[in-house]
């Protein structure tokens, strides 16, 4: 009888989690209205678009909620140039895809947050000319160097 009761408990509805209530955003966090649809290695995703100097500089600093993807892109019409990324004021680690000529040219997994935003905070990608950089929640996606990128 106890097994039957225990087994039937799995059938009871569970209370739904309210994602909005579960995550409270820091007032300093940037939220961007512009989005871009990308396809990477056949996988579609929608990313927030940071295509101004100010938006690229702030990136995901202090951001805790709704971080699926953030695309840092040069101003339209500009040529490939470095778009370095660092862990300054990140809340959690991120993965970073550096994109040039329609392909992932470098993948940096697990860029760690940095408490201090000075020369002691590691920078990645400052040696690489790219068309864009995609910041992703660490471990959420599995992209690799050579993957095709459509929509940049």
Foldseek 3Di string as FASTA:
>chain_A
DVVVVVVCVVVDDDDDDDQVVVDDADPPFDDAPAKWWKAWLNRIDIAGEDADPVCLVRPGARGDPDFAKYKYFYHPPDFFAFSKDWQERHPAFKKKFFAAPQWGADIRATRGHDDDDDPVTDIPRNVDTGRMMMIGHHPPDDHDGGIGMPTD
